[in-house]
Amino acid sequence: MKNLKNIEHINLSNAWAKLNRIDYDFKFKNGEWKRLSRETYNRGNGAAILLYNKEKGTVILTKQFRMPIYENDKNDSMSIEACAGAIDKDDTPLETIIRETEEEVGYSISDAKHVLTAYTSPGALTEKMYLFVTEYRDTMKINDGGGLDSEDEEIEILEIPFYTAIQMVQNEEIIDAKTIMLLQYALINKLVK
């Protein structure tokens, strides 16, 4: 980019993820250069999946405590979301979502359709989300799910009617961006009737 120079990264934290302050010179349309500073949070990329069942007219979602939501609104700490997880260094998004589906919701899938790629908060997060859909059947359930103790996960699995999930978006019971995008994709593409 010709309108960007003198980029400097200052590490602020390497705890759960990397928090950097990035200072840089940016040239505006009026020709003026300004020194700007932004913080970015880098926890890697992620993948999410909407599991849907055409025959039953249902979807599988998760419910779990999210500290950032609690910090923003003490009355709103439990998040209803599509199954999702961070992509490990050597994994593809598909490999990640196959693993996360088994760990979080207890279903064994061998493939899924990649439908969207999106940044959920590009002003602060470097995370790119790879979004998938796949149809599930009861026979694919192989364990109770609920997440991994080693990752301190306590996940409730929800199997709910698809149109109830759509209503939950409208009622703001589902406020997670990746889940809203996947539910809207399913609605637009008539995955569930």
C-alpha atoms as a PDB file:
ATOM      1  CA  MET A   1       0.000   0.000   0.000  1.00  0.00           C
ATOM      2  CA  LYS A   2       1.429   3.351  -1.055  1.00  0.00           C
ATOM      3  CA  ASN A   3      -0.476   5.207   1.674  1.00  0.00           C
ATOM      4  CA  LEU A   4       1.021   3.213   4.568  1.00  0.00           C
ATOM      5  CA  LYS A   5       4.572   3.339   5.976  1.00  0.00           C
ATOM      6  CA  ASN A   6       6.719   3.200   9.120  1.00  0.00           C
ATOM      7  CA  ILE A   7       4.778   0.344  10.748  1.00  0.00           C
ATOM      8  CA  GLU A   8       5.929  -0.422  14.290  1.00  0.00           C
ATOM      9  CA  HIS A   9       4.592  -3.275  16.477  1.00  0.00           C
ATOM     10  CA  ILE A  10       4.715  -2.913  20.264  1.00  0.00           C
ATOM     11  CA  ASN A  11       3.752  -6.084  22.117  1.00  0.00           C
ATOM     12  CA  LEU A  12       1.431  -5.384  25.058  1.00  0.00           C
ATOM     13  CA  SER A  13       0.571  -8.967  26.050  1.00  0.00           C
ATOM     14  CA  ASN A  14       1.259 -12.582  25.102  1.00  0.00           C
ATOM     15  CA  ALA A  15      -1.178 -14.162  27.547  1.00  0.00           C
ATOM     16  CA  TRP A  16      -4.063 -16.121  25.955  1.00  0.00           C
ATOM     17  CA  ALA A  17      -3.378 -14.372  22.654  1.00  0.00           C
ATOM     18  CA  LYS A  18      -1.168 -11.581  21.368  1.00  0.00           C
ATOM     19  CA  LEU A  19      -2.154  -7.972  22.003  1.00  0.00           C
ATOM     20  CA  ASN A  20      -0.134  -5.441  20.019  1.00  0.00           C
ATOM     21  CA  ARG A  21      -0.178  -1.711  19.614  1.00  0.00           C
ATOM     22  CA  ILE A  22       0.635  -0.875  16.014  1.00  0.00           C
ATOM     23  CA  ASP A  23       1.881   2.615  15.237  1.00  0.00           C
ATOM     24  CA  TYR A  24       1.960   3.627  11.577  1.00  0.00           C
ATOM     25  CA  ASP A  25       1.928   6.537   9.171  1.00  0.00           C
ATOM     26  CA  PHE A  26      -1.169   6.755   6.974  1.00  0.00           C
ATOM     27  CA  LYS A  27      -1.645   9.085   4.008  1.00  0.00           C
ATOM     28  CA  PHE A  28      -5.183  10.436   3.746  1.00  0.00           C
ATOM     29  CA  LYS A  29      -6.934  11.344   0.482  1.00  0.00           C
ATOM     30  CA  ASN A  30      -6.085  15.015   1.013  1.00  0.00           C
ATOM     31  CA  GLY A  31      -2.370  14.080   0.835  1.00  0.00           C
ATOM     32  CA  GLU A  32      -1.725  14.579   4.563  1.00  0.00           C
ATOM     33  CA  TRP A  33       0.322  11.956   6.420  1.00  0.00           C
ATOM     34  CA  LYS A  34      -0.695  11.251  10.023  1.00  0.00           C
ATOM     35  CA  ARG A  35       0.863   9.020  12.666  1.00  0.00           C
ATOM     36  CA  LEU A  36      -1.856   6.660  13.937  1.00  0.00           C
ATOM     37  CA  SER A  37      -1.974   4.002  16.628  1.00  0.00           C
ATOM     38  CA  ARG A  38      -4.284   0.992  16.897  1.00  0.00           C
ATOM     39  CA  GLU A  39      -4.383  -2.018  19.190  1.00  0.00           C
ATOM     40  CA  THR A  40      -4.913  -5.412  17.590  1.00  0.00           C
ATOM     41  CA  TYR A  41      -5.763  -8.675  19.266  1.00  0.00           C
ATOM     42  CA  ASN A  42      -4.401 -11.749  17.493  1.00  0.00           C
ATOM     43  CA  ARG A  43      -5.647 -15.132  18.667  1.00  0.00           C
ATOM     44  CA  GLY A  44      -5.349 -16.769  15.257  1.00  0.00           C
ATOM     45  CA  ASN A  45      -8.185 -17.705  12.930  1.00  0.00           C
ATOM     46  CA  GLY A  46     -11.297 -19.722  13.699  1.00  0.00           C
ATOM     47  CA  ALA A  47     -13.929 -21.938  12.161  1.00  0.00           C
ATOM     48  CA  ALA A  48     -17.633 -22.358  12.929  1.00  0.00           C
ATOM     49  CA  ILE A  49     -20.346 -24.685  11.698  1.00  0.00           C
ATOM     50  CA  LEU A  50     -24.108 -24.784  11.600  1.00  0.00           C
ATOM     51  CA  LEU A  51     -25.383 -28.344  11.908  1.00  0.00           C
ATOM     52  CA  TYR A  52     -28.899 -28.651  10.497  1.00  0.00           C
ATOM     53  CA  ASN A  53     -31.401 -31.480  10.068  1.00  0.00           C
ATOM     54  CA  LYS A  54     -33.854 -31.108   7.172  1.00  0.00           C
ATOM     55  CA  GLU A  55     -36.190 -33.902   8.309  1.00  0.00           C
ATOM     56  CA  LYS A  56     -36.569 -32.666  11.888  1.00  0.00           C
ATOM     57  CA  GLY A  57     -36.280 -28.974  10.976  1.00  0.00           C
ATOM     58  CA  THR A  58     -33.682 -28.436  13.698  1.00  0.00           C
ATOM     59  CA  VAL A  59     -30.213 -26.997  14.258  1.00  0.00           C
ATOM     60  CA  ILE A  60     -27.526 -27.757  16.821  1.00  0.00           C
ATOM     61  CA  LEU A  61     -26.196 -24.763  18.756  1.00  0.00           C
ATOM     62  CA  THR A  62     -24.140 -24.347  21.908  1.00  0.00           C
ATOM     63  CA  LYS A  63     -24.613 -22.275  25.042  1.00  0.00           C
ATOM     64  CA  GLN A  64     -21.741 -21.205  27.248  1.00  0.00           C
ATOM     65  CA  PHE A  65     -20.478 -18.471  29.565  1.00  0.00           C
ATOM     66  CA  ARG A  66     -18.467 -15.722  27.820  1.00  0.00           C
ATOM     67  CA  MET A  67     -16.506 -13.352  30.068  1.00  0.00           C
ATOM     68  CA  PRO A  68     -16.237 -10.541  27.461  1.00  0.00           C
ATOM     69  CA  ILE A  69     -20.037 -10.492  27.161  1.00  0.00           C
ATOM     70  CA  TYR A  70     -20.379 -10.446  30.964  1.00  0.00           C
ATOM     71  CA  GLU A  71     -17.874  -7.602  31.136  1.00  0.00           C
ATOM     72  CA  ASN A  72     -19.968  -5.600  28.654  1.00  0.00           C
ATOM     73  CA  ASP A  73     -23.378  -6.469  30.149  1.00  0.00           C
ATOM     74  CA  LYS A  74     -23.653  -8.292  33.482  1.00  0.00           C
ATOM     75  CA  ASN A  75     -27.185  -9.472  32.567  1.00  0.00           C
ATOM     76  CA  ASP A  76     -26.066 -11.115  29.351  1.00  0.00           C
ATOM     77  CA  SER A  77     -23.186 -13.525  29.990  1.00  0.00           C
ATOM     78  CA  MET A  78     -24.431 -16.755  28.393  1.00  0.00           C
ATOM     79  CA  SER A  79     -23.927 -16.932  24.649  1.00  0.00           C
ATOM     80  CA  ILE A  80     -25.846 -19.115  22.207  1.00  0.00           C
ATOM     81  CA  GLU A  81     -23.548 -19.902  19.305  1.00  0.00           C
ATOM     82  CA  ALA A  82     -22.780 -22.205  16.432  1.00  0.00           C
ATOM     83  CA  CYS A  83     -20.151 -24.816  17.249  1.00  0.00           C
ATOM     84  CA  ALA A  84     -16.748 -23.171  16.725  1.00  0.00           C
ATOM     85  CA  GLY A  85     -13.085 -23.210  17.627  1.00  0.00           C
ATOM     86  CA  ALA A  86      -9.641 -21.809  17.004  1.00  0.00           C
ATOM     87  CA  ILE A  87      -7.654 -23.207  14.105  1.00  0.00           C
ATOM     88  CA  ASP A  88      -4.494 -24.918  15.344  1.00  0.00           C
ATOM     89  CA  LYS A  89      -1.239 -24.143  13.501  1.00  0.00           C
ATOM     90  CA  ASP A  90      -1.136 -27.212  11.259  1.00  0.00           C
ATOM     91  CA  ASP A  91      -4.891 -27.706  10.779  1.00  0.00           C
ATOM     92  CA  THR A  92      -7.089 -26.550   7.945  1.00  0.00           C
ATOM     93  CA  PRO A  93     -10.391 -24.826   8.750  1.00  0.00           C
ATOM     94  CA  LEU A  94     -12.227 -28.039   7.738  1.00  0.00           C
ATOM     95  CA  GLU A  95     -10.060 -30.233   9.995  1.00  0.00           C
ATOM     96  CA  THR A  96     -10.704 -27.796  12.831  1.00  0.00           C
ATOM     97  CA  ILE A  97     -14.463 -27.847  12.437  1.00  0.00           C
ATOM     98  CA  ILE A  98     -14.584 -31.645  12.203  1.00  0.00           C
ATOM     99  CA  ARG A  99     -12.649 -31.864  15.504  1.00  0.00           C
ATOM    100  CA  GLU A 100     -14.664 -29.117  17.233  1.00  0.00           C
ATOM    101  CA  THR A 101     -17.977 -30.707  16.196  1.00  0.00           C
ATOM    102  CA  GLU A 102     -17.029 -33.907  18.000  1.00  0.00           C
ATOM    103  CA  GLU A 103     -15.577 -32.166  21.071  1.00  0.00           C
ATOM    104  CA  GLU A 104     -18.298 -29.554  21.567  1.00  0.00           C
ATOM    105  CA  VAL A 105     -21.515 -31.207  20.427  1.00  0.00           C
ATOM    106  CA  GLY A 106     -20.627 -34.907  20.177  1.00  0.00           C
ATOM    107  CA  TYR A 107     -21.368 -35.445  16.480  1.00  0.00           C
ATOM    108  CA  SER A 108     -19.003 -37.157  14.067  1.00  0.00           C
ATOM    109  CA  ILE A 109     -18.867 -35.502  10.663  1.00  0.00           C
ATOM    110  CA  SER A 110     -16.482 -36.278   7.828  1.00  0.00           C
ATOM    111  CA  ASP A 111     -17.102 -33.238   5.644  1.00  0.00           C
ATOM    112  CA  ALA A 112     -18.786 -29.848   5.600  1.00  0.00           C
ATOM    113  CA  LYS A 113     -19.514 -27.136   3.059  1.00  0.00           C
ATOM    114  CA  HIS A 114     -17.516 -23.912   3.389  1.00  0.00           C
ATOM    115  CA  VAL A 115     -20.013 -21.076   2.785  1.00  0.00           C
ATOM    116  CA  LEU A 116     -18.467 -17.827   4.060  1.00  0.00           C
ATOM    117  CA  THR A 117     -15.255 -16.286   5.314  1.00  0.00           C
ATOM    118  CA  ALA A 118     -15.535 -13.145   7.415  1.00  0.00           C
ATOM    119  CA  TYR A 119     -13.804 -10.875   9.893  1.00  0.00           C
ATOM    120  CA  THR A 120     -16.194 -10.414  12.806  1.00  0.00           C
ATOM    121  CA  SER A 121     -14.565  -7.307  14.277  1.00  0.00           C
ATOM    122  CA  PRO A 122     -11.904  -6.017  11.849  1.00  0.00           C
ATOM    123  CA  GLY A 123     -11.306  -2.817  13.809  1.00  0.00           C
ATOM    124  CA  ALA A 124      -9.640  -4.731  16.650  1.00  0.00           C
ATOM    125  CA  LEU A 125      -9.360  -8.474  15.917  1.00  0.00           C
ATOM    126  CA  THR A 126      -7.105 -10.127  13.357  1.00  0.00           C
ATOM    127  CA  GLU A 127      -9.274 -13.276  13.486  1.00  0.00           C
ATOM    128  CA  LYS A 128     -10.744 -14.514  10.201  1.00  0.00           C
ATOM    129  CA  MET A 129     -13.691 -16.902  10.629  1.00  0.00           C
ATOM    130  CA  TYR A 130     -14.290 -19.750   8.193  1.00  0.00           C
ATOM    131  CA  LEU A 131     -17.987 -20.649   8.264  1.00  0.00           C
ATOM    132  CA  PHE A 132     -19.365 -24.079   7.353  1.00  0.00           C
ATOM    133  CA  VAL A 133     -22.687 -25.905   7.189  1.00  0.00           C
ATOM    134  CA  THR A 134     -23.485 -29.599   7.174  1.00  0.00           C
ATOM    135  CA  GLU A 135     -26.516 -31.764   7.626  1.00  0.00           C
ATOM    136  CA  TYR A 136     -26.602 -34.011  10.685  1.00  0.00           C
ATOM    137  CA  ARG A 137     -28.569 -37.116  11.634  1.00  0.00           C
ATOM    138  CA  ASP A 138     -29.161 -38.625  15.060  1.00  0.00           C
ATOM    139  CA  THR A 139     -27.004 -41.631  14.062  1.00  0.00           C
ATOM    140  CA  MET A 140     -23.978 -39.306  13.855  1.00  0.00           C
ATOM    141  CA  LYS A 141     -24.088 -38.651  17.621  1.00  0.00           C
ATOM    142  CA  ILE A 142     -21.074 -40.455  19.127  1.00  0.00           C
ATOM    143  CA  ASN A 143     -20.644 -38.825  22.552  1.00  0.00           C
ATOM    144  CA  ASP A 144     -22.194 -36.280  24.909  1.00  0.00           C
ATOM    145  CA  GLY A 145     -20.032 -33.378  23.719  1.00  0.00           C
ATOM    146  CA  GLY A 146     -19.810 -30.451  26.095  1.00  0.00           C
ATOM    147  CA  GLY A 147     -16.218 -29.460  25.323  1.00  0.00           C
ATOM    148  CA  LEU A 148     -12.904 -30.490  26.795  1.00  0.00           C
ATOM    149  CA  ASP A 149     -12.005 -30.320  30.484  1.00  0.00           C
ATOM    150  CA  SER A 150      -8.410 -29.568  29.426  1.00  0.00           C
ATOM    151  CA  GLU A 151      -9.686 -26.386  27.744  1.00  0.00           C
ATOM    152  CA  ASP A 152     -11.932 -25.485  30.702  1.00  0.00           C
ATOM    153  CA  GLU A 153     -15.029 -25.741  28.521  1.00  0.00           C
ATOM    154  CA  GLU A 154     -18.530 -26.239  29.887  1.00  0.00           C
ATOM    155  CA  ILE A 155     -20.818 -26.252  26.883  1.00  0.00           C
ATOM    156  CA  GLU A 156     -24.542 -26.942  26.837  1.00  0.00           C
ATOM    157  CA  ILE A 157     -25.767 -28.483  23.574  1.00  0.00           C
ATOM    158  CA  LEU A 158     -29.040 -27.142  22.181  1.00  0.00           C
ATOM    159  CA  GLU A 159     -31.059 -28.898  19.500  1.00  0.00           C
ATOM    160  CA  ILE A 160     -33.757 -26.420  18.576  1.00  0.00           C
ATOM    161  CA  PRO A 161     -36.222 -25.875  15.749  1.00  0.00           C
ATOM    162  CA  PHE A 162     -34.629 -23.815  12.989  1.00  0.00           C
ATOM    163  CA  TYR A 163     -37.353 -21.183  12.986  1.00  0.00           C
ATOM    164  CA  THR A 164     -37.067 -20.871  16.768  1.00  0.00           C
ATOM    165  CA  ALA A 165     -33.371 -20.029  16.235  1.00  0.00           C
ATOM    166  CA  ILE A 166     -34.356 -17.412  13.632  1.00  0.00           C
ATOM    167  CA  GLN A 167     -36.822 -15.922  16.148  1.00  0.00           C
ATOM    168  CA  MET A 168     -34.055 -15.924  18.785  1.00  0.00           C
ATOM    169  CA  VAL A 169     -31.954 -13.762  16.454  1.00  0.00           C
ATOM    170  CA  GLN A 170     -34.870 -11.355  16.028  1.00  0.00           C
ATOM    171  CA  ASN A 171     -35.438 -11.285  19.817  1.00  0.00           C
ATOM    172  CA  GLU A 172     -31.707 -10.747  20.399  1.00  0.00           C
ATOM    173  CA  GLU A 173     -31.364 -13.973  22.361  1.00  0.00           C
ATOM    174  CA  ILE A 174     -28.716 -14.971  19.805  1.00  0.00           C
ATOM    175  CA  ILE A 175     -26.269 -12.075  19.487  1.00  0.00           C
ATOM    176  CA  ASP A 176     -23.148 -13.864  18.220  1.00  0.00           C
ATOM    177  CA  ALA A 177     -22.194 -12.579  14.741  1.00  0.00           C
ATOM    178  CA  LYS A 178     -20.915 -15.865  13.273  1.00  0.00           C
ATOM    179  CA  THR A 179     -24.067 -17.661  14.383  1.00  0.00           C
ATOM    180  CA  ILE A 180     -26.333 -14.975  12.959  1.00  0.00           C
ATOM    181  CA  MET A 181     -24.473 -15.155   9.626  1.00  0.00           C
ATOM    182  CA  LEU A 182     -24.810 -18.942   9.494  1.00  0.00           C
ATOM    183  CA  LEU A 183     -28.497 -18.901  10.411  1.00  0.00           C
ATOM    184  CA  GLN A 184     -29.171 -16.233   7.794  1.00  0.00           C
ATOM    185  CA  TYR A 185     -27.227 -18.267   5.221  1.00  0.00           C
ATOM    186  CA  ALA A 186     -29.404 -21.279   6.025  1.00  0.00           C
ATOM    187  CA  LEU A 187     -32.562 -19.166   5.762  1.00  0.00           C
ATOM    188  CA  ILE A 188     -31.592 -17.521   2.457  1.00  0.00           C
ATOM    189  CA  ASN A 189     -30.528 -20.845   0.935  1.00  0.00           C
ATOM    190  CA  LYS A 190     -33.541 -22.733   2.323  1.00  0.00           C
ATOM    191  CA  LEU A 191     -31.430 -25.420   3.986  1.00  0.00           C
ATOM    192  CA  VAL A 192     -34.210 -26.179   6.464  1.00  0.00           C
ATOM    193  CA  LYS A 193     -37.948 -25.965   5.724  1.00  0.00           C
END
